[in-house]
Amino acid sequence: MTRWKLARVILIWAALALAVGVPIALAAASEQLAWRGPIYILAGFAGIVALGLVLVQPLLIGGYLPGLSAYRGRRVHHWIGGALALAIVIHVAGLWITSPPDMIDALSYTSPTPFSPFGVTAMWAIFIVALLALLRRRLGLRPRTWRFVHMPLAIVIVAGSVVHCLLIEGTMETISKAALCALVLAATVKVMIDLQVWRKRRALRGESIARQ
């Protein structure tokens, strides 16, 4: 590996670490934490970590993170998906313990807070994807069918998570939160465009070979 390639690898991973780490660090320095209990704080940071994992997922599936082969990228994508589901469970469970009535309102879509329905919808989408991923072989889902199901759910996860995060006025610092949300959206849009272009090129090559 040349020095330029090595520097590129380091810069990409460092940028990802900053994109996820800075919002967490700034949230940890928030003055609002002084008024929060430990369970509520744990739940809140589980939510922040979950948003960071949502950023990592399209980067993995798109092959944008250097040092990972396509196979390893898919494997890590699966493990990160499990970690994302776990982070959401911790987030919801912690909020349930600290305020059951608020969580009942949120889960029943009757909460007066505007951010609740977006977060709950994203949560159910995450759980559906995680469950389908576990049962994928048993259900006999082919790659094309899996993409057909997974892609719309991924869009729901990203859109719901970003809107949920932006509408909350909590411990996260405004600029770093907005930057992280923008990166999540940008990474998702890019991977969707790139994968679509790649499929079109593969289809054209298939037609060309068939004609020959």
C-alpha atoms as a PDB file:
ATOM      1  CA  MET A   1       0.000   0.000   0.000  1.00  0.00           C
ATOM      2  CA  THR A   2       1.420   3.375  -1.040  1.00  0.00           C
ATOM      3  CA  ARG A   3       1.657   6.300   1.329  1.00  0.00           C
ATOM      4  CA  TRP A   4      -1.161   8.086  -0.494  1.00  0.00           C
ATOM      5  CA  LYS A   5      -3.481   5.080  -0.184  1.00  0.00           C
ATOM      6  CA  LEU A   6      -2.551   4.657   3.472  1.00  0.00           C
ATOM      7  CA  ALA A   7      -3.199   8.339   4.134  1.00  0.00           C
ATOM      8  CA  ARG A   8      -6.546   8.063   2.332  1.00  0.00           C
ATOM      9  CA  VAL A   9      -7.561   5.078   4.471  1.00  0.00           C
ATOM     10  CA  ILE A  10      -6.604   6.899   7.666  1.00  0.00           C
ATOM     11  CA  LEU A  11      -8.436  10.074   6.620  1.00  0.00           C
ATOM     12  CA  ILE A  12     -11.654   8.234   5.755  1.00  0.00           C
ATOM     13  CA  TRP A  13     -11.751   6.293   9.011  1.00  0.00           C
ATOM     14  CA  ALA A  14     -10.770   9.386  11.005  1.00  0.00           C
ATOM     15  CA  ALA A  15     -13.549  11.380   9.338  1.00  0.00           C
ATOM     16  CA  LEU A  16     -16.084   8.684  10.210  1.00  0.00           C
ATOM     17  CA  ALA A  17     -14.843   8.575  13.806  1.00  0.00           C
ATOM     18  CA  LEU A  18     -15.187  12.361  14.075  1.00  0.00           C
ATOM     19  CA  ALA A  19     -18.627  12.370  12.457  1.00  0.00           C
ATOM     20  CA  VAL A  20     -19.917   9.929  15.053  1.00  0.00           C
ATOM     21  CA  GLY A  21     -17.677  10.788  17.987  1.00  0.00           C
ATOM     22  CA  VAL A  22     -17.983  14.581  18.037  1.00  0.00           C
ATOM     23  CA  PRO A  23     -21.785  14.654  18.526  1.00  0.00           C
ATOM     24  CA  ILE A  24     -21.449  12.066  21.305  1.00  0.00           C
ATOM     25  CA  ALA A  25     -18.653  14.021  22.998  1.00  0.00           C
ATOM     26  CA  LEU A  26     -20.563  17.308  22.801  1.00  0.00           C
ATOM     27  CA  ALA A  27     -23.691  15.648  24.150  1.00  0.00           C
ATOM     28  CA  ALA A  28     -21.631  14.266  27.034  1.00  0.00           C
ATOM     29  CA  ALA A  29     -20.598  17.853  27.868  1.00  0.00           C
ATOM     30  CA  SER A  30     -24.190  19.136  27.862  1.00  0.00           C
ATOM     31  CA  GLU A  31     -25.338  20.989  30.968  1.00  0.00           C
ATOM     32  CA  GLN A  32     -28.706  19.250  30.711  1.00  0.00           C
ATOM     33  CA  LEU A  33     -27.163  15.997  31.912  1.00  0.00           C
ATOM     34  CA  ALA A  34     -26.992  17.443  35.425  1.00  0.00           C
ATOM     35  CA  TRP A  35     -30.786  17.206  35.606  1.00  0.00           C
ATOM     36  CA  ARG A  36     -31.050  13.703  34.193  1.00  0.00           C
ATOM     37  CA  GLY A  37     -30.951  10.336  35.910  1.00  0.00           C
ATOM     38  CA  PRO A  38     -28.468   7.607  34.882  1.00  0.00           C
ATOM     39  CA  ILE A  39     -31.076   5.446  33.129  1.00  0.00           C
ATOM     40  CA  TYR A  40     -32.393   8.406  31.136  1.00  0.00           C
ATOM     41  CA  ILE A  41     -28.834   9.360  30.167  1.00  0.00           C
ATOM     42  CA  LEU A  42     -28.095   5.784  29.067  1.00  0.00           C
ATOM     43  CA  ALA A  43     -31.264   5.754  26.972  1.00  0.00           C
ATOM     44  CA  GLY A  44     -30.403   9.081  25.377  1.00  0.00           C
ATOM     45  CA  PHE A  45     -26.880   8.102  24.428  1.00  0.00           C
ATOM     46  CA  ALA A  46     -28.120   4.773  23.073  1.00  0.00           C
ATOM     47  CA  GLY A  47     -30.226   6.837  20.693  1.00  0.00           C
ATOM     48  CA  ILE A  48     -27.232   8.939  19.645  1.00  0.00           C
ATOM     49  CA  VAL A  49     -25.121   5.825  19.071  1.00  0.00           C
ATOM     50  CA  ALA A  50     -27.967   4.355  17.023  1.00  0.00           C
ATOM     51  CA  LEU A  51     -27.946   7.385  14.723  1.00  0.00           C
ATOM     52  CA  GLY A  52     -24.196   6.964  14.277  1.00  0.00           C
ATOM     53  CA  LEU A  53     -24.725   3.323  13.324  1.00  0.00           C
ATOM     54  CA  VAL A  54     -27.345   4.395  10.782  1.00  0.00           C
ATOM     55  CA  LEU A  55     -24.564   6.411   9.121  1.00  0.00           C
ATOM     56  CA  VAL A  56     -22.190   3.442   9.062  1.00  0.00           C
ATOM     57  CA  GLN A  57     -24.670   1.074   7.388  1.00  0.00           C
ATOM     58  CA  PRO A  58     -24.854   2.660   3.901  1.00  0.00           C
ATOM     59  CA  LEU A  59     -21.106   3.261   3.946  1.00  0.00           C
ATOM     60  CA  LEU A  60     -20.576  -0.455   4.485  1.00  0.00           C
ATOM     61  CA  ILE A  61     -23.050  -1.676   1.901  1.00  0.00           C
ATOM     62  CA  GLY A  62     -21.728   0.809  -0.651  1.00  0.00           C
ATOM     63  CA  GLY A  63     -18.126  -0.290  -0.112  1.00  0.00           C
ATOM     64  CA  TYR A  64     -16.992   3.226   0.793  1.00  0.00           C
ATOM     65  CA  LEU A  65     -14.948   2.188   3.837  1.00  0.00           C
ATOM     66  CA  PRO A  66     -11.434   1.138   2.778  1.00  0.00           C
ATOM     67  CA  GLY A  67      -9.772  -1.935   4.179  1.00  0.00           C
ATOM     68  CA  LEU A  68     -12.932  -4.042   4.009  1.00  0.00           C
ATOM     69  CA  SER A  69     -13.615  -6.494   1.224  1.00  0.00           C
ATOM     70  CA  ALA A  70     -17.120  -6.768  -0.196  1.00  0.00           C
ATOM     71  CA  TYR A  71     -17.690  -9.945   1.838  1.00  0.00           C
ATOM     72  CA  ARG A  72     -16.380  -8.446   5.074  1.00  0.00           C
ATOM     73  CA  GLY A  73     -18.350  -5.288   4.451  1.00  0.00           C
ATOM     74  CA  ARG A  74     -21.581  -7.284   4.195  1.00  0.00           C
ATOM     75  CA  ARG A  75     -20.737  -9.273   7.317  1.00  0.00           C
ATOM     76  CA  VAL A  76     -19.983  -6.129   9.300  1.00  0.00           C
ATOM     77  CA  HIS A  77     -23.192  -4.615   7.908  1.00  0.00           C
ATOM     78  CA  HIS A  78     -25.120  -7.522   9.422  1.00  0.00           C
ATOM     79  CA  TRP A  79     -23.408  -7.173  12.798  1.00  0.00           C
ATOM     80  CA  ILE A  80     -23.920  -3.410  12.849  1.00  0.00           C
ATOM     81  CA  GLY A  81     -27.585  -4.012  12.076  1.00  0.00           C
ATOM     82  CA  GLY A  82     -27.816  -6.193  15.175  1.00  0.00           C
ATOM     83  CA  ALA A  83     -26.023  -3.561  17.238  1.00  0.00           C
ATOM     84  CA  LEU A  84     -28.435  -0.932  15.906  1.00  0.00           C
ATOM     85  CA  ALA A  85     -31.453  -2.991  16.976  1.00  0.00           C
ATOM     86  CA  LEU A  86     -29.886  -3.499  20.411  1.00  0.00           C
ATOM     87  CA  ALA A  87     -29.203   0.231  20.793  1.00  0.00           C
ATOM     88  CA  ILE A  88     -32.851   0.961  19.980  1.00  0.00           C
ATOM     89  CA  VAL A  89     -33.999  -1.596  22.558  1.00  0.00           C
ATOM     90  CA  ILE A  90     -31.830   0.097  25.195  1.00  0.00           C
ATOM     91  CA  HIS A  91     -33.100   3.516  24.099  1.00  0.00           C
ATOM     92  CA  VAL A  92     -36.769   2.546  24.326  1.00  0.00           C
ATOM     93  CA  ALA A  93     -36.396   0.436  27.471  1.00  0.00           C
ATOM     94  CA  GLY A  94     -34.605   3.241  29.286  1.00  0.00           C
ATOM     95  CA  LEU A  95     -37.247   5.777  28.357  1.00  0.00           C
ATOM     96  CA  TRP A  96     -39.966   3.301  29.376  1.00  0.00           C
ATOM     97  CA  ILE A  97     -38.403   2.865  32.813  1.00  0.00           C
ATOM     98  CA  THR A  98     -38.084   6.598  33.373  1.00  0.00           C
ATOM     99  CA  SER A  99     -41.526   7.530  32.014  1.00  0.00           C
ATOM    100  CA  PRO A 100     -43.950   4.710  31.103  1.00  0.00           C
ATOM    101  CA  PRO A 101     -46.921   7.011  30.288  1.00  0.00           C
ATOM    102  CA  ASP A 102     -44.868   8.981  27.763  1.00  0.00           C
ATOM    103  CA  MET A 103     -43.698   5.790  26.079  1.00  0.00           C
ATOM    104  CA  ILE A 104     -47.231   4.402  25.932  1.00  0.00           C
ATOM    105  CA  ASP A 105     -48.339   7.599  24.215  1.00  0.00           C
ATOM    106  CA  ALA A 106     -45.387   7.392  21.818  1.00  0.00           C
ATOM    107  CA  LEU A 107     -45.912   3.726  20.925  1.00  0.00           C
ATOM    108  CA  SER A 108     -49.636   4.280  20.411  1.00  0.00           C
ATOM    109  CA  TYR A 109     -48.961   7.353  18.224  1.00  0.00           C
ATOM    110  CA  THR A 110     -50.883   9.622  20.598  1.00  0.00           C
ATOM    111  CA  SER A 111     -47.938  11.590  21.982  1.00  0.00           C
ATOM    112  CA  PRO A 112     -48.220  15.388  21.679  1.00  0.00           C
ATOM    113  CA  THR A 113     -44.489  15.670  20.941  1.00  0.00           C
ATOM    114  CA  PRO A 114     -43.877  16.021  17.174  1.00  0.00           C
ATOM    115  CA  PHE A 115     -40.734  13.883  17.160  1.00  0.00           C
ATOM    116  CA  SER A 116     -42.313  10.739  18.657  1.00  0.00           C
ATOM    117  CA  PRO A 117     -44.101   9.266  15.604  1.00  0.00           C
ATOM    118  CA  PHE A 118     -40.987   9.546  13.453  1.00  0.00           C
ATOM    119  CA  GLY A 119     -38.853   7.748  16.018  1.00  0.00           C
ATOM    120  CA  VAL A 120     -41.409   5.027  16.640  1.00  0.00           C
ATOM    121  CA  THR A 121     -41.888   4.410  12.917  1.00  0.00           C
ATOM    122  CA  ALA A 122     -38.133   4.149  12.401  1.00  0.00           C
ATOM    123  CA  MET A 123     -37.949   1.768  15.380  1.00  0.00           C
ATOM    124  CA  TRP A 124     -40.516  -0.629  13.911  1.00  0.00           C
ATOM    125  CA  ALA A 125     -38.748  -0.527  10.552  1.00  0.00           C
ATOM    126  CA  ILE A 126     -35.456  -1.425  12.242  1.00  0.00           C
ATOM    127  CA  PHE A 127     -37.055  -4.327  14.086  1.00  0.00           C
ATOM    128  CA  ILE A 128     -38.699  -5.619  10.904  1.00  0.00           C
ATOM    129  CA  VAL A 129     -35.403  -5.530   9.015  1.00  0.00           C
ATOM    130  CA  ALA A 130     -33.591  -7.271  11.895  1.00  0.00           C
ATOM    131  CA  LEU A 131     -36.251  -9.987  12.079  1.00  0.00           C
ATOM    132  CA  LEU A 132     -36.257 -10.560   8.323  1.00  0.00           C
ATOM    133  CA  ALA A 133     -32.450 -10.706   8.314  1.00  0.00           C
ATOM    134  CA  LEU A 134     -32.562 -13.456  10.964  1.00  0.00           C
ATOM    135  CA  LEU A 135     -35.231 -15.409   9.075  1.00  0.00           C
ATOM    136  CA  ARG A 136     -33.934 -14.661   5.588  1.00  0.00           C
ATOM    137  CA  ARG A 137     -32.614 -18.142   4.857  1.00  0.00           C
ATOM    138  CA  ARG A 138     -35.564 -19.870   6.482  1.00  0.00           C
ATOM    139  CA  LEU A 139     -37.980 -17.772   4.441  1.00  0.00           C
ATOM    140  CA  GLY A 140     -35.961 -18.406   1.304  1.00  0.00           C
ATOM    141  CA  LEU A 141     -35.672 -14.736   0.394  1.00  0.00           C
ATOM    142  CA  ARG A 142     -33.645 -14.308  -2.768  1.00  0.00           C
ATOM    143  CA  PRO A 143     -31.222 -11.369  -3.062  1.00  0.00           C
ATOM    144  CA  ARG A 144     -33.548  -9.486  -5.405  1.00  0.00           C
ATOM    145  CA  THR A 145     -36.539 -10.006  -3.076  1.00  0.00           C
ATOM    146  CA  TRP A 146     -34.457  -9.020  -0.079  1.00  0.00           C
ATOM    147  CA  ARG A 147     -33.399  -5.765  -1.741  1.00  0.00           C
ATOM    148  CA  PHE A 148     -37.001  -5.073  -2.760  1.00  0.00           C
ATOM    149  CA  VAL A 149     -38.092  -5.376   0.886  1.00  0.00           C
ATOM    150  CA  HIS A 150     -35.014  -3.936   2.549  1.00  0.00           C
ATOM    151  CA  MET A 151     -34.634  -0.753   0.500  1.00  0.00           C
ATOM    152  CA  PRO A 152     -37.996   0.866   1.367  1.00  0.00           C
ATOM    153  CA  LEU A 153     -37.537  -0.045   5.022  1.00  0.00           C
ATOM    154  CA  ALA A 154     -34.049   1.471   4.976  1.00  0.00           C
ATOM    155  CA  ILE A 155     -35.500   4.695   3.605  1.00  0.00           C
ATOM    156  CA  VAL A 156     -38.078   4.726   6.411  1.00  0.00           C
ATOM    157  CA  ILE A 157     -35.329   4.123   8.978  1.00  0.00           C
ATOM    158  CA  VAL A 158     -33.132   6.920   7.693  1.00  0.00           C
ATOM    159  CA  ALA A 159     -35.899   9.476   7.171  1.00  0.00           C
ATOM    160  CA  GLY A 160     -37.611   8.690  10.459  1.00  0.00           C
ATOM    161  CA  SER A 161     -34.368   8.708  12.455  1.00  0.00           C
ATOM    162  CA  VAL A 162     -33.167  12.004  10.985  1.00  0.00           C
ATOM    163  CA  VAL A 163     -36.466  13.842  11.502  1.00  0.00           C
ATOM    164  CA  HIS A 164     -36.804  12.367  14.995  1.00  0.00           C
ATOM    165  CA  CYS A 165     -33.334  13.568  15.922  1.00  0.00           C
ATOM    166  CA  LEU A 166     -33.679  17.044  14.412  1.00  0.00           C
ATOM    167  CA  LEU A 167     -36.971  17.733  16.176  1.00  0.00           C
ATOM    168  CA  ILE A 168     -35.647  16.816  19.615  1.00  0.00           C
ATOM    169  CA  GLU A 169     -34.220  19.648  21.680  1.00  0.00           C
ATOM    170  CA  GLY A 170     -32.072  17.706  24.092  1.00  0.00           C
ATOM    171  CA  THR A 171     -28.466  17.112  25.013  1.00  0.00           C
ATOM    172  CA  MET A 172     -27.141  16.964  21.443  1.00  0.00           C
ATOM    173  CA  GLU A 173     -25.408  20.110  20.219  1.00  0.00           C
ATOM    174  CA  THR A 174     -27.313  21.692  17.323  1.00  0.00           C
ATOM    175  CA  ILE A 175     -24.595  22.045  14.659  1.00  0.00           C
ATOM    176  CA  SER A 176     -22.981  18.646  15.175  1.00  0.00           C
ATOM    177  CA  LYS A 177     -26.425  17.028  15.258  1.00  0.00           C
ATOM    178  CA  ALA A 178     -27.417  18.677  11.990  1.00  0.00           C
ATOM    179  CA  ALA A 179     -24.083  17.679  10.415  1.00  0.00           C
ATOM    180  CA  LEU A 180     -24.494  14.053  11.452  1.00  0.00           C
ATOM    181  CA  CYS A 181     -28.050  13.968  10.098  1.00  0.00           C
ATOM    182  CA  ALA A 182     -26.890  15.520   6.824  1.00  0.00           C
ATOM    183  CA  LEU A 183     -24.169  12.882   6.496  1.00  0.00           C
ATOM    184  CA  VAL A 184     -26.684  10.099   7.125  1.00  0.00           C
ATOM    185  CA  LEU A 185     -28.917  11.448   4.362  1.00  0.00           C
ATOM    186  CA  ALA A 186     -26.010  12.031   1.958  1.00  0.00           C
ATOM    187  CA  ALA A 187     -24.564   8.540   2.482  1.00  0.00           C
ATOM    188  CA  THR A 188     -27.967   6.930   1.987  1.00  0.00           C
ATOM    189  CA  VAL A 189     -28.731   8.856  -1.197  1.00  0.00           C
ATOM    190  CA  LYS A 190     -25.282   8.140  -2.621  1.00  0.00           C
ATOM    191  CA  VAL A 191     -25.427   4.400  -2.019  1.00  0.00           C
ATOM    192  CA  MET A 192     -28.916   4.206  -3.516  1.00  0.00           C
ATOM    193  CA  ILE A 193     -27.782   6.039  -6.637  1.00  0.00           C
ATOM    194  CA  ASP A 194     -24.574   4.041  -6.962  1.00  0.00           C
ATOM    195  CA  LEU A 195     -26.310   0.682  -6.524  1.00  0.00           C
ATOM    196  CA  GLN A 196     -28.971   1.638  -9.048  1.00  0.00           C
ATOM    197  CA  VAL A 197     -26.333   2.677 -11.590  1.00  0.00           C
ATOM    198  CA  TRP A 198     -24.400  -0.533 -10.975  1.00  0.00           C
ATOM    199  CA  ARG A 199     -27.513  -2.659 -11.558  1.00  0.00           C
ATOM    200  CA  LYS A 200     -28.298  -0.803 -14.785  1.00  0.00           C
ATOM    201  CA  ARG A 201     -24.749  -1.365 -16.042  1.00  0.00           C
ATOM    202  CA  ARG A 202     -24.970  -5.060 -15.172  1.00  0.00           C
ATOM    203  CA  ALA A 203     -28.307  -5.332 -16.987  1.00  0.00           C
ATOM    204  CA  LEU A 204     -26.853  -3.611 -20.068  1.00  0.00           C
ATOM    205  CA  ARG A 205     -23.863  -5.945 -20.057  1.00  0.00           C
ATOM    206  CA  GLY A 206     -26.226  -8.905 -19.805  1.00  0.00           C
ATOM    207  CA  GLU A 207     -28.204  -7.672 -22.805  1.00  0.00           C
ATOM    208  CA  SER A 208     -24.999  -7.091 -24.758  1.00  0.00           C
ATOM    209  CA  ILE A 209     -23.739 -10.605 -24.059  1.00  0.00           C
ATOM    210  CA  ALA A 210     -27.131 -12.082 -24.973  1.00  0.00           C
ATOM    211  CA  ARG A 211     -27.088 -10.304 -28.317  1.00  0.00           C
ATOM    212  CA  GLN A 212     -23.629 -11.654 -29.096  1.00  0.00           C
END
